Amino acid sequence: MRAVRSPAVAGMFYPADPRVLRETISAYLQAASPPTLEHVRAVVVPHAGYVYSGAVAAVAYRLLEGLPAPQRCYLLGPSHRAWFPGVALADYQAFRTPLGDVPVDREALAALAAEPLFTRLNLPHGPEHCLEVQLPFLQVIYPAPRIVPLLFGDVDPLAVGKILAAHVTADDLIIVSSDLSHYHDNDTAHRLDRQFLDALLQEDMSGIATGEACGQAPALALTEVAQMHGWKPHLLDYRTSGDITGERRQVVGYAAVAYVEGGSHADGA
């Protein structure tokens, strides 16, 4: 039996008590009002502490809650604490949260591990928060989620996107975990984040690549997948930590974006 990854940020980024955690997420979901969209194939969601970004993330998860559950969820995020080449696949049996264990889809992980650029590497996953904070939301909205956890290191994200596009099926969901600009004043953050989100919505690779987002590489990979499969992005919500807390001197930007199969671009926020 392979190891189970223990939670690294429970009690810091989100409540460690299972009852409080479930109630907290349920409250965020109940307060969220996403647009009506069908055939959602991917979402971009933030990964800060729930008190800052939970309400924004909940808009995407409330949308997903009303749709059929995917067969598996590919979780894509940036490595904040470790440098490595390529994409690190989490070689665990499951990820543990206060709500229980989320199994890793071993078959899908093995298929990616056989590809160039992908490596079974647990070291960067141990302390990383960006994928972990998504898991309790998934556990609340889906009865039995299965995940394929990927952290991006030093890698060509478009090459990664091309490989992912060949593996993702119509029954799968991609979740990109990314915050936007960091530590600008609120007005500057809104301006910079609007530029990045405009590039994301227009599938402008150069604009995404020059924008400010910690999950820039996963966002580029998702854009490549979306272009290859004909998915179109829709902005669901955007706020900064300053909009939420009132402290506007140094803020972080958060957005929720959904990618829909077919249709056209739409700006929903």
C-alpha atoms as a PDB file:
ATOM      1  CA  MET A   1       0.000   0.000   0.000  1.00  0.00           C
ATOM      2  CA  ARG A   2       1.391   3.388  -0.994  1.00  0.00           C
ATOM      3  CA  ALA A   3       1.568   6.269   1.442  1.00  0.00           C
ATOM      4  CA  VAL A   4      -1.313   8.627   2.129  1.00  0.00           C
ATOM      5  CA  ARG A   5      -0.415  12.312   2.021  1.00  0.00           C
ATOM      6  CA  SER A   6      -1.322  14.015   5.278  1.00  0.00           C
ATOM      7  CA  PRO A   7      -2.830  17.520   5.235  1.00  0.00           C
ATOM      8  CA  ALA A   8      -0.228  20.284   5.443  1.00  0.00           C
ATOM      9  CA  VAL A   9      -2.396  23.378   5.983  1.00  0.00           C
ATOM     10  CA  ALA A  10      -5.482  22.164   7.875  1.00  0.00           C
ATOM     11  CA  GLY A  11      -6.059  24.562  10.743  1.00  0.00           C
ATOM     12  CA  MET A  12      -4.277  27.346   8.842  1.00  0.00           C
ATOM     13  CA  PHE A  13      -5.832  27.750   5.404  1.00  0.00           C
ATOM     14  CA  TYR A  14      -9.100  26.055   6.369  1.00  0.00           C
ATOM     15  CA  PRO A  15     -10.674  24.599   9.544  1.00  0.00           C
ATOM     16  CA  ALA A  16      -9.184  21.376  10.891  1.00  0.00           C
ATOM     17  CA  ASP A  17     -12.391  20.316  12.622  1.00  0.00           C
ATOM     18  CA  PRO A  18     -14.450  18.213  10.177  1.00  0.00           C
ATOM     19  CA  ARG A  19     -17.822  19.573  11.300  1.00  0.00           C
ATOM     20  CA  VAL A  20     -16.675  23.194  11.146  1.00  0.00           C
ATOM     21  CA  LEU A  21     -14.981  22.605   7.801  1.00  0.00           C
ATOM     22  CA  ARG A  22     -18.093  21.087   6.224  1.00  0.00           C
ATOM     23  CA  GLU A  23     -20.299  23.836   7.631  1.00  0.00           C
ATOM     24  CA  THR A  24     -17.895  26.521   6.399  1.00  0.00           C
ATOM     25  CA  ILE A  25     -17.838  25.147   2.845  1.00  0.00           C
ATOM     26  CA  SER A  26     -21.608  24.619   2.833  1.00  0.00           C
ATOM     27  CA  ALA A  27     -22.106  28.255   3.843  1.00  0.00           C
ATOM     28  CA  TYR A  28     -19.829  29.466   1.037  1.00  0.00           C
ATOM     29  CA  LEU A  29     -21.672  27.286  -1.475  1.00  0.00           C
ATOM     30  CA  GLN A  30     -25.105  28.439  -0.340  1.00  0.00           C
ATOM     31  CA  ALA A  31     -24.060  32.089  -0.713  1.00  0.00           C
ATOM     32  CA  ALA A  32     -22.611  31.594  -4.225  1.00  0.00           C
ATOM     33  CA  SER A  33     -24.646  32.505  -7.314  1.00  0.00           C
ATOM     34  CA  PRO A  34     -22.942  31.214 -10.470  1.00  0.00           C
ATOM     35  CA  PRO A  35     -24.458  31.637 -13.924  1.00  0.00           C
ATOM     36  CA  THR A  36     -26.209  28.676 -15.524  1.00  0.00           C
ATOM     37  CA  LEU A  37     -23.670  26.809 -17.645  1.00  0.00           C
ATOM     38  CA  GLU A  38     -23.598  23.257 -18.961  1.00  0.00           C
ATOM     39  CA  HIS A  39     -20.811  20.983 -20.211  1.00  0.00           C
ATOM     40  CA  VAL A  40     -18.197  22.509 -17.895  1.00  0.00           C
ATOM     41  CA  ARG A  41     -14.884  20.786 -18.580  1.00  0.00           C
ATOM     42  CA  ALA A  42     -12.490  22.850 -16.453  1.00  0.00           C
ATOM     43  CA  VAL A  43     -12.352  25.573 -13.821  1.00  0.00           C
ATOM     44  CA  VAL A  44      -9.758  27.997 -12.500  1.00  0.00           C
ATOM     45  CA  VAL A  45     -10.087  28.618  -8.753  1.00  0.00           C
ATOM     46  CA  PRO A  46      -7.994  30.426  -6.103  1.00  0.00           C
ATOM     47  CA  HIS A  47      -6.033  28.740  -3.322  1.00  0.00           C
ATOM     48  CA  ALA A  48      -5.623  31.204  -0.465  1.00  0.00           C
ATOM     49  CA  GLY A  49      -7.021  30.744   3.013  1.00  0.00           C
ATOM     50  CA  TYR A  50     -10.772  30.255   2.881  1.00  0.00           C
ATOM     51  CA  VAL A  51     -11.429  33.500   4.768  1.00  0.00           C
ATOM     52  CA  TYR A  52      -9.865  35.344   1.819  1.00  0.00           C
ATOM     53  CA  SER A  53     -10.710  33.306  -1.285  1.00  0.00           C
ATOM     54  CA  GLY A  54     -13.273  30.735  -0.204  1.00  0.00           C
ATOM     55  CA  ALA A  55     -16.236  32.770  -1.419  1.00  0.00           C
ATOM     56  CA  VAL A  56     -14.704  33.152  -4.902  1.00  0.00           C
ATOM     57  CA  ALA A  57     -13.787  29.479  -5.173  1.00  0.00           C
ATOM     58  CA  ALA A  58     -17.297  28.563  -4.046  1.00  0.00           C
ATOM     59  CA  VAL A  59     -18.821  30.190  -7.138  1.00  0.00           C
ATOM     60  CA  ALA A  60     -17.051  27.630  -9.324  1.00  0.00           C
ATOM     61  CA  TYR A  61     -17.782  24.732  -6.993  1.00  0.00           C
ATOM     62  CA  ARG A  62     -21.464  25.677  -6.710  1.00  0.00           C
ATOM     63  CA  LEU A  63     -21.620  25.563 -10.509  1.00  0.00           C
ATOM     64  CA  LEU A  64     -19.987  22.127 -10.525  1.00  0.00           C
ATOM     65  CA  GLU A  65     -22.278  20.900  -7.760  1.00  0.00           C
ATOM     66  CA  GLY A  66     -25.247  21.168 -10.105  1.00  0.00           C
ATOM     67  CA  LEU A  67     -23.587  19.137 -12.870  1.00  0.00           C
ATOM     68  CA  PRO A  68     -22.851  15.401 -13.223  1.00  0.00           C
ATOM     69  CA  ALA A  69     -19.836  14.307 -11.196  1.00  0.00           C
ATOM     70  CA  PRO A  70     -16.681  13.685 -13.266  1.00  0.00           C
ATOM     71  CA  GLN A  71     -14.911  10.351 -13.429  1.00  0.00           C
ATOM     72  CA  ARG A  72     -11.716  11.994 -12.200  1.00  0.00           C
ATOM     73  CA  CYS A  73     -10.354  15.466 -11.458  1.00  0.00           C
ATOM     74  CA  TYR A  74      -6.974  16.551 -12.805  1.00  0.00           C
ATOM     75  CA  LEU A  75      -5.622  19.061 -10.263  1.00  0.00           C
ATOM     76  CA  LEU A  76      -3.045  21.458 -11.736  1.00  0.00           C
ATOM     77  CA  GLY A  77      -1.120  23.924  -9.612  1.00  0.00           C
ATOM     78  CA  PRO A  78       2.208  25.742  -9.249  1.00  0.00           C
ATOM     79  CA  SER A  79       4.874  24.543  -6.853  1.00  0.00           C
ATOM     80  CA  HIS A  80       5.399  27.290  -4.254  1.00  0.00           C
ATOM     81  CA  ARG A  81       8.109  25.650  -2.145  1.00  0.00           C
ATOM     82  CA  ALA A  82      10.262  23.419  -4.342  1.00  0.00           C
ATOM     83  CA  TRP A  83      12.088  23.716  -7.679  1.00  0.00           C
ATOM     84  CA  PHE A  84      12.199  20.761 -10.038  1.00  0.00           C
ATOM     85  CA  PRO A  85      12.114  20.147 -13.793  1.00  0.00           C
ATOM     86  CA  GLY A  86       8.897  19.046 -15.446  1.00  0.00           C
ATOM     87  CA  VAL A  87       5.584  18.192 -13.785  1.00  0.00           C
ATOM     88  CA  ALA A  88       5.520  16.344 -10.458  1.00  0.00           C
ATOM     89  CA  LEU A  89       2.893  13.606 -10.193  1.00  0.00           C
ATOM     90  CA  ALA A  90       1.845  12.834  -6.622  1.00  0.00           C
ATOM     91  CA  ASP A  91       2.674   9.155  -6.161  1.00  0.00           C
ATOM     92  CA  TYR A  92       0.333   8.581  -3.217  1.00  0.00           C
ATOM     93  CA  GLN A  93      -2.579   6.250  -2.661  1.00  0.00           C
ATOM     94  CA  ALA A  94      -4.695   9.152  -1.437  1.00  0.00           C
ATOM     95  CA  PHE A  95      -4.687  12.715  -0.087  1.00  0.00           C
ATOM     96  CA  ARG A  96      -6.085  13.022   3.435  1.00  0.00           C
ATOM     97  CA  THR A  97      -8.170  15.955   4.670  1.00  0.00           C
ATOM     98  CA  PRO A  98     -10.231  16.373   7.848  1.00  0.00           C
ATOM     99  CA  LEU A  99     -13.185  15.077   5.796  1.00  0.00           C
ATOM    100  CA  GLY A 100     -11.443  11.804   4.920  1.00  0.00           C
ATOM    101  CA  ASP A 101      -9.225  10.413   2.157  1.00  0.00           C
ATOM    102  CA  VAL A 102      -9.429  11.411  -1.510  1.00  0.00           C
ATOM    103  CA  PRO A 103      -8.071   8.562  -3.657  1.00  0.00           C
ATOM    104  CA  VAL A 104      -5.510   9.208  -6.362  1.00  0.00           C
ATOM    105  CA  ASP A 105      -6.470   7.716  -9.715  1.00  0.00           C
ATOM    106  CA  ARG A 106      -3.520   5.364 -10.036  1.00  0.00           C
ATOM    107  CA  GLU A 107      -4.325   4.308 -13.605  1.00  0.00           C
ATOM    108  CA  ALA A 108      -4.484   7.867 -14.921  1.00  0.00           C
ATOM    109  CA  LEU A 109      -1.338   8.770 -12.977  1.00  0.00           C
ATOM    110  CA  ALA A 110       0.546   5.827 -14.478  1.00  0.00           C
ATOM    111  CA  ALA A 111      -0.528   6.845 -17.981  1.00  0.00           C
ATOM    112  CA  LEU A 112       0.881  10.350 -17.493  1.00  0.00           C
ATOM    113  CA  ALA A 113       4.049   9.013 -15.837  1.00  0.00           C
ATOM    114  CA  ALA A 114       4.818   7.194 -19.084  1.00  0.00           C
ATOM    115  CA  GLU A 115       4.891  10.525 -20.945  1.00  0.00           C
ATOM    116  CA  PRO A 116       7.850  12.906 -21.254  1.00  0.00           C
ATOM    117  CA  LEU A 117       7.865  15.913 -18.868  1.00  0.00           C
ATOM    118  CA  PHE A 118       5.927  14.026 -16.154  1.00  0.00           C
ATOM    119  CA  THR A 119       7.664  12.423 -13.144  1.00  0.00           C
ATOM    120  CA  ARG A 120       6.449  10.607 -10.051  1.00  0.00           C
ATOM    121  CA  LEU A 121       7.756  12.985  -7.362  1.00  0.00           C
ATOM    122  CA  ASN A 122       6.214  13.408  -3.926  1.00  0.00           C
ATOM    123  CA  LEU A 123       8.689  15.860  -2.369  1.00  0.00           C
ATOM    124  CA  PRO A 124       7.089  19.089  -3.661  1.00  0.00           C
ATOM    125  CA  HIS A 125       3.583  17.814  -2.855  1.00  0.00           C
ATOM    126  CA  GLY A 126       4.255  17.309   0.870  1.00  0.00           C
ATOM    127  CA  PRO A 127       4.173  20.977   2.000  1.00  0.00           C
ATOM    128  CA  GLU A 128       2.201  22.390  -0.931  1.00  0.00           C
ATOM    129  CA  HIS A 129      -1.160  24.068  -0.232  1.00  0.00           C
ATOM    130  CA  CYS A 130      -2.501  24.925  -3.690  1.00  0.00           C
ATOM    131  CA  LEU A 131      -4.022  21.518  -4.450  1.00  0.00           C
ATOM    132  CA  GLU A 132      -4.869  20.583  -0.875  1.00  0.00           C
ATOM    133  CA  VAL A 133      -7.251  23.504  -0.331  1.00  0.00           C
ATOM    134  CA  GLN A 134      -9.387  22.339  -3.276  1.00  0.00           C
ATOM    135  CA  LEU A 135      -9.996  18.903  -1.813  1.00  0.00           C
ATOM    136  CA  PRO A 136     -12.529  19.710   0.937  1.00  0.00           C
ATOM    137  CA  PHE A 137     -14.671  21.542  -1.644  1.00  0.00           C
ATOM    138  CA  LEU A 138     -14.553  18.469  -3.867  1.00  0.00           C
ATOM    139  CA  GLN A 139     -15.436  16.202  -0.952  1.00  0.00           C
ATOM    140  CA  VAL A 140     -18.508  18.298  -0.153  1.00  0.00           C
ATOM    141  CA  ILE A 141     -19.882  18.519  -3.703  1.00  0.00           C
ATOM    142  CA  TYR A 142     -19.010  15.021  -4.960  1.00  0.00           C
ATOM    143  CA  PRO A 143     -19.749  11.683  -3.266  1.00  0.00           C
ATOM    144  CA  ALA A 144     -16.442   9.993  -4.153  1.00  0.00           C
ATOM    145  CA  PRO A 145     -13.965  12.211  -6.035  1.00  0.00           C
ATOM    146  CA  ARG A 146     -10.818  10.728  -7.570  1.00  0.00           C
ATOM    147  CA  ILE A 147      -7.874  12.982  -8.343  1.00  0.00           C
ATOM    148  CA  VAL A 148      -4.735  13.195 -10.450  1.00  0.00           C
ATOM    149  CA  PRO A 149      -2.529  15.759  -8.646  1.00  0.00           C
ATOM    150  CA  LEU A 150       0.034  17.669 -10.775  1.00  0.00           C
ATOM    151  CA  LEU A 151       2.466  20.386  -9.672  1.00  0.00           C
ATOM    152  CA  PHE A 152       4.242  22.440 -12.324  1.00  0.00           C
ATOM    153  CA  GLY A 153       7.975  23.040 -12.018  1.00  0.00           C
ATOM    154  CA  ASP A 154      10.340  24.320 -14.694  1.00  0.00           C
ATOM    155  CA  VAL A 155       8.529  23.145 -17.821  1.00  0.00           C
ATOM    156  CA  ASP A 156       7.028  24.274 -21.112  1.00  0.00           C
ATOM    157  CA  PRO A 157       3.328  24.550 -20.175  1.00  0.00           C
ATOM    158  CA  LEU A 158       2.125  24.387 -23.770  1.00  0.00           C
ATOM    159  CA  ALA A 159       3.924  21.069 -24.265  1.00  0.00           C
ATOM    160  CA  VAL A 160       2.284  19.849 -21.056  1.00  0.00           C
ATOM    161  CA  GLY A 161      -1.093  21.001 -22.348  1.00  0.00           C
ATOM    162  CA  LYS A 162      -0.678  19.040 -25.569  1.00  0.00           C
ATOM    163  CA  ILE A 163      -0.005  15.861 -23.593  1.00  0.00           C
ATOM    164  CA  LEU A 164      -2.876  16.467 -21.185  1.00  0.00           C
ATOM    165  CA  ALA A 165      -5.263  17.068 -24.063  1.00  0.00           C
ATOM    166  CA  ALA A 166      -4.623  13.525 -25.287  1.00  0.00           C
ATOM    167  CA  HIS A 167      -5.383  12.004 -21.861  1.00  0.00           C
ATOM    168  CA  VAL A 168      -8.391  13.968 -20.639  1.00  0.00           C
ATOM    169  CA  THR A 169     -11.688  12.301 -21.539  1.00  0.00           C
ATOM    170  CA  ALA A 170     -15.209  13.683 -21.777  1.00  0.00           C
ATOM    171  CA  ASP A 171     -15.866  12.343 -18.274  1.00  0.00           C
ATOM    172  CA  ASP A 172     -12.979  14.230 -16.655  1.00  0.00           C
ATOM    173  CA  LEU A 173     -12.633  17.672 -15.081  1.00  0.00           C
ATOM    174  CA  ILE A 174      -9.531  19.890 -14.973  1.00  0.00           C
ATOM    175  CA  ILE A 175      -9.079  22.168 -11.960  1.00  0.00           C
ATOM    176  CA  VAL A 176      -6.368  24.838 -12.177  1.00  0.00           C
ATOM    177  CA  SER A 177      -5.438  26.293  -8.799  1.00  0.00           C
ATOM    178  CA  SER A 178      -4.147  29.848  -9.084  1.00  0.00           C
ATOM    179  CA  ASP A 179      -4.255  33.198  -7.346  1.00  0.00           C
ATOM    180  CA  LEU A 180      -3.705  36.367  -9.362  1.00  0.00           C
ATOM    181  CA  SER A 181      -1.623  39.465  -8.545  1.00  0.00           C
ATOM    182  CA  HIS A 182       0.104  39.682  -5.166  1.00  0.00           C
ATOM    183  CA  TYR A 183       0.668  42.580  -2.745  1.00  0.00           C
ATOM    184  CA  HIS A 184      -0.271  45.586  -4.847  1.00  0.00           C
ATOM    185  CA  ASP A 185      -2.737  48.204  -3.665  1.00  0.00           C
ATOM    186  CA  ASN A 186      -6.323  47.331  -4.488  1.00  0.00           C
ATOM    187  CA  ASP A 187      -6.698  49.622  -7.510  1.00  0.00           C
ATOM    188  CA  THR A 188      -3.458  48.372  -9.073  1.00  0.00           C
ATOM    189  CA  ALA A 189      -4.471  44.768  -8.422  1.00  0.00           C
ATOM    190  CA  HIS A 190      -7.798  45.276 -10.171  1.00  0.00           C
ATOM    191  CA  ARG A 191      -6.040  46.750 -13.199  1.00  0.00           C
ATOM    192  CA  LEU A 192      -3.391  44.014 -13.434  1.00  0.00           C
ATOM    193  CA  ASP A 193      -5.869  41.227 -12.811  1.00  0.00           C
ATOM    194  CA  ARG A 194      -8.268  42.586 -15.423  1.00  0.00           C
ATOM    195  CA  GLN A 195      -5.445  42.467 -17.970  1.00  0.00           C
ATOM    196  CA  PHE A 196      -4.640  38.866 -17.054  1.00  0.00           C
ATOM    197  CA  LEU A 197      -8.276  37.779 -17.065  1.00  0.00           C
ATOM    198  CA  ASP A 198      -8.911  39.481 -20.400  1.00  0.00           C
ATOM    199  CA  ALA A 199      -5.989  37.501 -21.842  1.00  0.00           C
ATOM    200  CA  LEU A 200      -7.345  34.288 -20.300  1.00  0.00           C
ATOM    201  CA  LEU A 201     -10.836  34.880 -21.672  1.00  0.00           C
ATOM    202  CA  GLN A 202      -9.456  35.717 -25.117  1.00  0.00           C
ATOM    203  CA  GLU A 203      -7.097  32.684 -25.022  1.00  0.00           C
ATOM    204  CA  ASP A 204      -4.201  35.073 -25.619  1.00  0.00           C
ATOM    205  CA  MET A 205      -1.131  32.973 -24.799  1.00  0.00           C
ATOM    206  CA  SER A 206       1.320  35.884 -24.785  1.00  0.00           C
ATOM    207  CA  GLY A 207      -0.976  37.926 -22.572  1.00  0.00           C
ATOM    208  CA  ILE A 208      -1.323  35.066 -20.098  1.00  0.00           C
ATOM    209  CA  ALA A 209       2.442  34.478 -20.155  1.00  0.00           C
ATOM    210  CA  THR A 210       3.207  38.111 -19.326  1.00  0.00           C
ATOM    211  CA  GLY A 211       0.438  38.502 -16.752  1.00  0.00           C
ATOM    212  CA  GLU A 212       0.702  38.164 -12.998  1.00  0.00           C
ATOM    213  CA  ALA A 213      -0.611  34.904 -11.559  1.00  0.00           C
ATOM    214  CA  CYS A 214       1.200  32.274  -9.522  1.00  0.00           C
ATOM    215  CA  GLY A 215      -0.575  29.584 -11.543  1.00  0.00           C
ATOM    216  CA  GLN A 216       0.455  31.092 -14.855  1.00  0.00           C
ATOM    217  CA  ALA A 217       1.992  27.848 -16.158  1.00  0.00           C
ATOM    218  CA  PRO A 218      -1.044  25.661 -15.341  1.00  0.00           C
ATOM    219  CA  ALA A 219      -3.291  28.351 -16.850  1.00  0.00           C
ATOM    220  CA  LEU A 220      -1.285  28.243 -20.070  1.00  0.00           C
ATOM    221  CA  ALA A 221      -1.484  24.440 -20.134  1.00  0.00           C
ATOM    222  CA  LEU A 222      -5.255  24.619 -19.648  1.00  0.00           C
ATOM    223  CA  THR A 223      -5.554  27.193 -22.438  1.00  0.00           C
ATOM    224  CA  GLU A 224      -3.722  24.802 -24.759  1.00  0.00           C
ATOM    225  CA  VAL A 225      -6.072  21.973 -23.789  1.00  0.00           C
ATOM    226  CA  ALA A 226      -9.078  24.252 -24.233  1.00  0.00           C
ATOM    227  CA  GLN A 227      -7.995  25.335 -27.700  1.00  0.00           C
ATOM    228  CA  MET A 228      -7.412  21.749 -28.779  1.00  0.00           C
ATOM    229  CA  HIS A 229     -10.829  20.613 -27.497  1.00  0.00           C
ATOM    230  CA  GLY A 230     -12.859  23.718 -28.311  1.00  0.00           C
ATOM    231  CA  TRP A 231     -13.639  24.756 -24.714  1.00  0.00           C
ATOM    232  CA  LYS A 232     -14.469  28.413 -24.067  1.00  0.00           C
ATOM    233  CA  PRO A 233     -13.769  30.329 -20.837  1.00  0.00           C
ATOM    234  CA  HIS A 234     -16.416  32.190 -18.832  1.00  0.00           C
ATOM    235  CA  LEU A 235     -15.534  34.505 -15.945  1.00  0.00           C
ATOM    236  CA  LEU A 236     -17.630  33.573 -12.910  1.00  0.00           C
ATOM    237  CA  ASP A 237     -16.287  35.893 -10.217  1.00  0.00           C
ATOM    238  CA  TYR A 238     -13.402  38.202  -9.394  1.00  0.00           C
ATOM    239  CA  ARG A 239     -12.443  39.853  -6.113  1.00  0.00           C
ATOM    240  CA  THR A 240      -9.346  40.816  -4.183  1.00  0.00           C
ATOM    241  CA  SER A 241      -8.568  40.181  -0.552  1.00  0.00           C
ATOM    242  CA  GLY A 242      -9.056  43.928  -0.122  1.00  0.00           C
ATOM    243  CA  ASP A 243     -12.590  43.706  -1.466  1.00  0.00           C
ATOM    244  CA  ILE A 244     -13.297  40.984   1.090  1.00  0.00           C
ATOM    245  CA  THR A 245     -11.446  42.225   4.205  1.00  0.00           C
ATOM    246  CA  GLY A 246     -11.343  45.986   3.607  1.00  0.00           C
ATOM    247  CA  GLU A 247      -7.534  46.082   3.915  1.00  0.00           C
ATOM    248  CA  ARG A 248      -6.641  47.591   0.542  1.00  0.00           C
ATOM    249  CA  ARG A 249      -2.964  48.523   0.823  1.00  0.00           C
ATOM    250  CA  GLN A 250      -1.517  45.110  -0.121  1.00  0.00           C
ATOM    251  CA  VAL A 251      -3.941  42.639  -1.630  1.00  0.00           C
ATOM    252  CA  VAL A 252      -4.087  39.380  -3.575  1.00  0.00           C
ATOM    253  CA  GLY A 253      -6.426  38.818  -6.524  1.00  0.00           C
ATOM    254  CA  TYR A 254      -8.767  35.851  -6.870  1.00  0.00           C
ATOM    255  CA  ALA A 255     -10.899  34.704  -9.802  1.00  0.00           C
ATOM    256  CA  ALA A 256     -13.176  31.812 -10.707  1.00  0.00           C
ATOM    257  CA  VAL A 257     -13.349  30.836 -14.377  1.00  0.00           C
ATOM    258  CA  ALA A 258     -15.249  27.979 -16.039  1.00  0.00           C
ATOM    259  CA  TYR A 259     -14.405  26.378 -19.387  1.00  0.00           C
ATOM    260  CA  VAL A 260     -17.401  25.128 -21.329  1.00  0.00           C
ATOM    261  CA  GLU A 261     -17.389  22.659 -24.188  1.00  0.00           C
ATOM    262  CA  GLY A 262     -18.703  24.397 -27.316  1.00  0.00           C
ATOM    263  CA  GLY A 263     -20.393  27.793 -27.339  1.00  0.00           C
ATOM    264  CA  SER A 264     -18.606  31.126 -27.295  1.00  0.00           C
ATOM    265  CA  HIS A 265     -16.592  33.270 -24.938  1.00  0.00           C
ATOM    266  CA  ALA A 266     -18.506  35.020 -22.173  1.00  0.00           C
ATOM    267  CA  ASP A 267     -17.607  37.428 -19.375  1.00  0.00           C
ATOM    268  CA  GLY A 268     -19.872  36.564 -16.497  1.00  0.00           C
ATOM    269  CA  ALA A 269     -18.590  38.888 -13.781  1.00  0.00           C
END
